[in-house]
Amino acid sequence: MFRRISLGKWGLILGIGLTALGIAAYIGGYPTLNLAAFFSGVPLALIGLALKAAELKPIPYSEPPSPELRQLRDAQATPILKLLRQNVTRYRYGHEAHLDESLERLGLAPSREERPVLQSIREADWDGRYALVLRFASPHVPLESWQERQAKIERFFGPGVQAALTPSESDAIELALIATGEPSAAEAEGS
């Protein structure tokens, strides 16, 4: 529920509101209210400002998932795919870009400036299997580099996931992470 709420925005709103209340209480001659509001409002506004500066906005869906796709996700998506979808569709703090560390580990981010940027996501039915499709703007990393790392991408995103790469419009690449339905090693041992 709270993953779609900007903590920086609310920190600023509450902090500025309490600071204004403190100033009004000072003018009105209410010293206790003045101190309480002012001394809590200023730090809260500063915290909100810091969070706003370090904020990474959620990635939008290119098309909202249908009820059928939600059912397919619930039935087939691996825990890693579910976590990945949740992480990129919420506010994040202290990261430069969504999936920045993942792209570095996969060797797809030669530098900050050349790192592919996640633009949107969508969920799809891939021949009866659940797929999470990530659309990257990748002007500096060609499709061939992605294809060379396709096996590494599949291992990185866990067992039970197959990767499919599709060139999109200019300098864009779609990475489909498809649930294969194969149980992970931990699930296989537990049965």
C-alpha atoms as a PDB file:
ATOM      1  CA  MET A   1       0.000   0.000   0.000  1.00  0.00           C
ATOM      2  CA  PHE A   2       2.725   2.469   0.973  1.00  0.00           C
ATOM      3  CA  ARG A   3       5.050   1.591  -1.912  1.00  0.00           C
ATOM      4  CA  ARG A   4       3.290   4.097  -4.193  1.00  0.00           C
ATOM      5  CA  ILE A   5       3.580   6.962  -1.678  1.00  0.00           C
ATOM      6  CA  SER A   6       6.483   9.403  -1.931  1.00  0.00           C
ATOM      7  CA  LEU A   7       7.930   9.706   1.568  1.00  0.00           C
ATOM      8  CA  GLY A   8       9.895  12.775   0.479  1.00  0.00           C
ATOM      9  CA  LYS A   9       6.747  14.564  -0.664  1.00  0.00           C
ATOM     10  CA  TRP A  10       4.870  13.809   2.555  1.00  0.00           C
ATOM     11  CA  GLY A  11       7.876  14.733   4.693  1.00  0.00           C
ATOM     12  CA  LEU A  12       8.047  18.104   2.966  1.00  0.00           C
ATOM     13  CA  ILE A  13       4.305  18.722   3.260  1.00  0.00           C
ATOM     14  CA  LEU A  14       4.146  17.805   6.954  1.00  0.00           C
ATOM     15  CA  GLY A  15       7.411  19.583   7.782  1.00  0.00           C
ATOM     16  CA  ILE A  16       6.443  22.814   6.054  1.00  0.00           C
ATOM     17  CA  GLY A  17       2.954  22.627   7.575  1.00  0.00           C
ATOM     18  CA  LEU A  18       4.312  22.178  11.112  1.00  0.00           C
ATOM     19  CA  THR A  19       6.873  24.938  10.581  1.00  0.00           C
ATOM     20  CA  ALA A  20       4.115  27.296   9.392  1.00  0.00           C
ATOM     21  CA  LEU A  21       2.041  26.312  12.433  1.00  0.00           C
ATOM     22  CA  GLY A  22       5.054  27.083  14.658  1.00  0.00           C
ATOM     23  CA  ILE A  23       5.499  30.504  13.069  1.00  0.00           C
ATOM     24  CA  ALA A  24       1.771  31.249  13.434  1.00  0.00           C
ATOM     25  CA  ALA A  25       1.907  30.143  17.089  1.00  0.00           C
ATOM     26  CA  TYR A  26       4.900  32.428  17.668  1.00  0.00           C
ATOM     27  CA  ILE A  27       3.033  35.376  16.174  1.00  0.00           C
ATOM     28  CA  GLY A  28      -0.083  34.472  18.179  1.00  0.00           C
ATOM     29  CA  GLY A  29       1.854  34.227  21.447  1.00  0.00           C
ATOM     30  CA  TYR A  30       1.571  30.465  22.096  1.00  0.00           C
ATOM     31  CA  PRO A  31       5.121  29.541  23.158  1.00  0.00           C
ATOM     32  CA  THR A  32       4.576  25.814  23.842  1.00  0.00           C
ATOM     33  CA  LEU A  33       2.841  25.183  20.531  1.00  0.00           C
ATOM     34  CA  ASN A  34       5.428  27.388  18.825  1.00  0.00           C
ATOM     35  CA  LEU A  35       8.362  25.320  20.115  1.00  0.00           C
ATOM     36  CA  ALA A  36       6.743  21.934  19.531  1.00  0.00           C
ATOM     37  CA  ALA A  37       5.653  22.707  15.980  1.00  0.00           C
ATOM     38  CA  PHE A  38       8.797  24.577  14.978  1.00  0.00           C
ATOM     39  CA  PHE A  39      11.266  22.061  16.428  1.00  0.00           C
ATOM     40  CA  SER A  40       9.504  19.116  14.830  1.00  0.00           C
ATOM     41  CA  GLY A  41       8.574  20.871  11.573  1.00  0.00           C
ATOM     42  CA  VAL A  42      12.026  22.048  10.493  1.00  0.00           C
ATOM     43  CA  PRO A  43      13.762  18.645  10.896  1.00  0.00           C
ATOM     44  CA  LEU A  44      10.839  16.886   9.219  1.00  0.00           C
ATOM     45  CA  ALA A  45      11.018  19.301   6.273  1.00  0.00           C
ATOM     46  CA  LEU A  46      14.784  18.722   5.991  1.00  0.00           C
ATOM     47  CA  ILE A  47      14.317  14.945   6.075  1.00  0.00           C
ATOM     48  CA  GLY A  48      11.613  15.248   3.422  1.00  0.00           C
ATOM     49  CA  LEU A  49      13.920  17.366   1.283  1.00  0.00           C
ATOM     50  CA  ALA A  50      16.739  14.811   1.613  1.00  0.00           C
ATOM     51  CA  LEU A  51      14.396  11.951   0.705  1.00  0.00           C
ATOM     52  CA  LYS A  52      13.062  13.907  -2.266  1.00  0.00           C
ATOM     53  CA  ALA A  53      16.627  14.470  -3.510  1.00  0.00           C
ATOM     54  CA  ALA A  54      17.420  10.727  -3.262  1.00  0.00           C
ATOM     55  CA  GLU A  55      14.065   9.583  -4.650  1.00  0.00           C
ATOM     56  CA  LEU A  56      13.692   7.248  -7.612  1.00  0.00           C
ATOM     57  CA  LYS A  57      10.175   7.267  -9.054  1.00  0.00           C
ATOM     58  CA  PRO A  58       8.293   4.028  -9.797  1.00  0.00           C
ATOM     59  CA  ILE A  59       8.513   2.621 -13.315  1.00  0.00           C
ATOM     60  CA  PRO A  60       5.126   2.810 -15.075  1.00  0.00           C
ATOM     61  CA  TYR A  61       3.312  -0.044 -16.760  1.00  0.00           C
ATOM     62  CA  SER A  62       3.197   0.373 -20.539  1.00  0.00           C
ATOM     63  CA  GLU A  63      -0.165  -1.424 -20.365  1.00  0.00           C
ATOM     64  CA  PRO A  64      -1.958  -2.282 -17.129  1.00  0.00           C
ATOM     65  CA  PRO A  65      -2.232  -6.023 -16.445  1.00  0.00           C
ATOM     66  CA  SER A  66      -5.598  -7.631 -17.092  1.00  0.00           C
ATOM     67  CA  PRO A  67      -7.283  -9.815 -14.457  1.00  0.00           C
ATOM     68  CA  GLU A  68      -6.223 -12.870 -16.496  1.00  0.00           C
ATOM     69  CA  LEU A  69      -2.576 -11.766 -16.363  1.00  0.00           C
ATOM     70  CA  ARG A  70      -2.830 -11.206 -12.611  1.00  0.00           C
ATOM     71  CA  GLN A  71      -4.123 -14.765 -12.214  1.00  0.00           C
ATOM     72  CA  LEU A  72      -1.305 -16.057 -14.423  1.00  0.00           C
ATOM     73  CA  ARG A  73       1.212 -14.085 -12.298  1.00  0.00           C
ATOM     74  CA  ASP A  74      -0.193 -15.513  -9.072  1.00  0.00           C
ATOM     75  CA  ALA A  75      -0.071 -19.038 -10.464  1.00  0.00           C
ATOM     76  CA  GLN A  76       3.275 -19.039 -12.299  1.00  0.00           C
ATOM     77  CA  ALA A  77       5.564 -16.139 -11.379  1.00  0.00           C
ATOM     78  CA  THR A  78       8.694 -17.084  -9.470  1.00  0.00           C
ATOM     79  CA  PRO A  79       9.401 -15.293  -6.177  1.00  0.00           C
ATOM     80  CA  ILE A  80      12.224 -13.382  -7.885  1.00  0.00           C
ATOM     81  CA  LEU A  81       9.925 -12.148 -10.677  1.00  0.00           C
ATOM     82  CA  LYS A  82       7.322 -11.053  -8.107  1.00  0.00           C
ATOM     83  CA  LEU A  83       9.966  -9.211  -6.083  1.00  0.00           C
ATOM     84  CA  LEU A  84      11.439  -7.617  -9.208  1.00  0.00           C
ATOM     85  CA  ARG A  85       8.017  -6.310 -10.285  1.00  0.00           C
ATOM     86  CA  GLN A  86       7.335  -4.946  -6.799  1.00  0.00           C
ATOM     87  CA  ASN A  87      10.744  -3.258  -6.537  1.00  0.00           C
ATOM     88  CA  VAL A  88      10.569  -1.377  -9.827  1.00  0.00           C
ATOM     89  CA  THR A  89       6.967  -0.215  -9.321  1.00  0.00           C
ATOM     90  CA  ARG A  90       7.602   1.513  -5.987  1.00  0.00           C
ATOM     91  CA  TYR A  91       9.522   4.559  -4.818  1.00  0.00           C
ATOM     92  CA  ARG A  92      13.163   3.758  -4.051  1.00  0.00           C
ATOM     93  CA  TYR A  93      15.691   5.824  -2.152  1.00  0.00           C
ATOM     94  CA  GLY A  94      19.464   5.972  -2.483  1.00  0.00           C
ATOM     95  CA  HIS A  95      19.717   4.305  -5.896  1.00  0.00           C
ATOM     96  CA  GLU A  96      20.823   6.012  -9.089  1.00  0.00           C
ATOM     97  CA  ALA A  97      18.538   3.986 -11.357  1.00  0.00           C
ATOM     98  CA  HIS A  98      16.231   0.985 -11.209  1.00  0.00           C
ATOM     99  CA  LEU A  99      18.194  -2.264 -11.528  1.00  0.00           C
ATOM    100  CA  ASP A 100      21.519  -0.374 -11.543  1.00  0.00           C
ATOM    101  CA  GLU A 101      23.332  -3.008  -9.460  1.00  0.00           C
ATOM    102  CA  SER A 102      21.807  -5.855 -11.470  1.00  0.00           C
ATOM    103  CA  LEU A 103      22.932  -4.341 -14.770  1.00  0.00           C
ATOM    104  CA  GLU A 104      26.447  -3.835 -13.390  1.00  0.00           C
ATOM    105  CA  ARG A 105      26.674  -7.467 -12.248  1.00  0.00           C
ATOM    106  CA  LEU A 106      25.453  -8.643 -15.639  1.00  0.00           C
ATOM    107  CA  GLY A 107      28.119  -6.549 -17.380  1.00  0.00           C
ATOM    108  CA  LEU A 108      25.556  -4.373 -19.146  1.00  0.00           C
ATOM    109  CA  ALA A 109      26.518  -1.080 -17.488  1.00  0.00           C
ATOM    110  CA  PRO A 110      29.992  -0.048 -18.663  1.00  0.00           C
ATOM    111  CA  SER A 111      29.582   3.324 -16.920  1.00  0.00           C
ATOM    112  CA  ARG A 112      26.896   5.496 -15.339  1.00  0.00           C
ATOM    113  CA  GLU A 113      26.344   7.421 -18.537  1.00  0.00           C
ATOM    114  CA  GLU A 114      26.161   4.305 -20.720  1.00  0.00           C
ATOM    115  CA  ARG A 115      23.921   2.242 -18.432  1.00  0.00           C
ATOM    116  CA  PRO A 116      20.619   1.110 -19.996  1.00  0.00           C
ATOM    117  CA  VAL A 117      17.634   2.841 -18.382  1.00  0.00           C
ATOM    118  CA  LEU A 118      14.456   0.969 -17.502  1.00  0.00           C
ATOM    119  CA  GLN A 119      11.562   2.856 -19.129  1.00  0.00           C
ATOM    120  CA  SER A 120       8.492   0.702 -18.542  1.00  0.00           C
ATOM    121  CA  ILE A 121       7.298  -2.773 -17.695  1.00  0.00           C
ATOM    122  CA  ARG A 122       4.385  -4.917 -18.730  1.00  0.00           C
ATOM    123  CA  GLU A 123       3.126  -8.360 -17.958  1.00  0.00           C
ATOM    124  CA  ALA A 124       2.392 -10.750 -20.790  1.00  0.00           C
ATOM    125  CA  ASP A 125       1.077 -14.204 -21.595  1.00  0.00           C
ATOM    126  CA  TRP A 126       3.988 -15.870 -23.439  1.00  0.00           C
ATOM    127  CA  ASP A 127       2.485 -19.002 -25.003  1.00  0.00           C
ATOM    128  CA  GLY A 128       0.558 -19.754 -21.821  1.00  0.00           C
ATOM    129  CA  ARG A 129       3.427 -18.789 -19.513  1.00  0.00           C
ATOM    130  CA  TYR A 130       3.756 -15.678 -17.356  1.00  0.00           C
ATOM    131  CA  ALA A 131       6.306 -13.122 -18.576  1.00  0.00           C
ATOM    132  CA  LEU A 132       7.521  -9.870 -17.064  1.00  0.00           C
ATOM    133  CA  VAL A 133       8.689  -7.650 -19.931  1.00  0.00           C
ATOM    134  CA  LEU A 134      11.195  -4.905 -19.080  1.00  0.00           C
ATOM    135  CA  ARG A 135      11.705  -2.160 -21.683  1.00  0.00           C
ATOM    136  CA  PHE A 136      15.124  -0.512 -21.569  1.00  0.00           C
ATOM    137  CA  ALA A 137      16.457   2.528 -23.400  1.00  0.00           C
ATOM    138  CA  SER A 138      19.857   1.174 -24.403  1.00  0.00           C
ATOM    139  CA  PRO A 139      21.591   3.559 -26.824  1.00  0.00           C
ATOM    140  CA  HIS A 140      25.115   2.629 -25.679  1.00  0.00           C
ATOM    141  CA  VAL A 141      24.713  -1.135 -25.167  1.00  0.00           C
ATOM    142  CA  PRO A 142      23.796  -2.878 -28.445  1.00  0.00           C
ATOM    143  CA  LEU A 143      21.470  -5.865 -28.762  1.00  0.00           C
ATOM    144  CA  GLU A 144      24.482  -8.117 -29.436  1.00  0.00           C
ATOM    145  CA  SER A 145      25.879  -7.369 -25.955  1.00  0.00           C
ATOM    146  CA  TRP A 146      22.542  -8.296 -24.410  1.00  0.00           C
ATOM    147  CA  GLN A 147      22.401 -11.504 -26.459  1.00  0.00           C
ATOM    148  CA  GLU A 148      25.941 -12.484 -25.383  1.00  0.00           C
ATOM    149  CA  ARG A 149      24.766 -12.296 -21.769  1.00  0.00           C
ATOM    150  CA  GLN A 150      21.400 -13.994 -22.245  1.00  0.00           C
ATOM    151  CA  ALA A 151      22.447 -17.185 -20.403  1.00  0.00           C
ATOM    152  CA  LYS A 152      23.918 -15.070 -17.590  1.00  0.00           C
ATOM    153  CA  ILE A 153      20.648 -13.098 -17.377  1.00  0.00           C
ATOM    154  CA  GLU A 154      18.695 -16.357 -17.034  1.00  0.00           C
ATOM    155  CA  ARG A 155      20.987 -17.574 -14.235  1.00  0.00           C
ATOM    156  CA  PHE A 156      20.912 -14.161 -12.525  1.00  0.00           C
ATOM    157  CA  PHE A 157      17.126 -13.978 -12.338  1.00  0.00           C
ATOM    158  CA  GLY A 158      16.963 -17.444 -10.901  1.00  0.00           C
ATOM    159  CA  PRO A 159      15.833 -20.919 -11.671  1.00  0.00           C
ATOM    160  CA  GLY A 160      12.606 -21.286 -13.548  1.00  0.00           C
ATOM    161  CA  VAL A 161      13.208 -18.180 -15.687  1.00  0.00           C
ATOM    162  CA  GLN A 162      13.939 -17.979 -19.405  1.00  0.00           C
ATOM    163  CA  ALA A 163      15.054 -14.703 -21.016  1.00  0.00           C
ATOM    164  CA  ALA A 164      13.956 -13.480 -24.440  1.00  0.00           C
ATOM    165  CA  LEU A 165      15.388 -10.345 -26.032  1.00  0.00           C
ATOM    166  CA  THR A 166      13.541  -8.270 -28.601  1.00  0.00           C
ATOM    167  CA  PRO A 167      14.768  -5.084 -30.265  1.00  0.00           C
ATOM    168  CA  SER A 168      12.133  -2.391 -29.993  1.00  0.00           C
ATOM    169  CA  GLU A 169      12.045   1.037 -31.591  1.00  0.00           C
ATOM    170  CA  SER A 170      15.315   2.948 -31.915  1.00  0.00           C
ATOM    171  CA  ASP A 171      17.775   2.182 -29.124  1.00  0.00           C
ATOM    172  CA  ALA A 172      15.208   0.286 -27.047  1.00  0.00           C
ATOM    173  CA  ILE A 173      15.392  -3.358 -26.002  1.00  0.00           C
ATOM    174  CA  GLU A 174      12.682  -5.472 -24.425  1.00  0.00           C
ATOM    175  CA  LEU A 175      13.826  -8.157 -22.016  1.00  0.00           C
ATOM    176  CA  ALA A 176      11.110 -10.729 -21.363  1.00  0.00           C
ATOM    177  CA  LEU A 177      11.661 -12.806 -18.228  1.00  0.00           C
ATOM    178  CA  ILE A 178       9.455 -15.848 -18.768  1.00  0.00           C
ATOM    179  CA  ALA A 179       8.453 -18.248 -15.997  1.00  0.00           C
ATOM    180  CA  THR A 180       9.217 -21.758 -17.232  1.00  0.00           C
ATOM    181  CA  GLY A 181       7.283 -23.535 -14.502  1.00  0.00           C
ATOM    182  CA  GLU A 182      10.344 -25.520 -13.426  1.00  0.00           C
ATOM    183  CA  PRO A 183      10.689 -25.664  -9.646  1.00  0.00           C
ATOM    184  CA  SER A 184      13.774 -24.203  -8.044  1.00  0.00           C
ATOM    185  CA  ALA A 185      16.267 -26.533  -6.334  1.00  0.00           C
ATOM    186  CA  ALA A 186      14.878 -25.570  -2.904  1.00  0.00           C
ATOM    187  CA  GLU A 187      11.304 -26.300  -4.001  1.00  0.00           C
ATOM    188  CA  ALA A 188      12.356 -29.639  -5.539  1.00  0.00           C
ATOM    189  CA  GLU A 189      14.140 -30.718  -2.320  1.00  0.00           C
ATOM    190  CA  GLY A 190      11.137 -29.710  -0.194  1.00  0.00           C
ATOM    191  CA  SER A 191       8.713 -31.942  -2.116  1.00  0.00           C
END
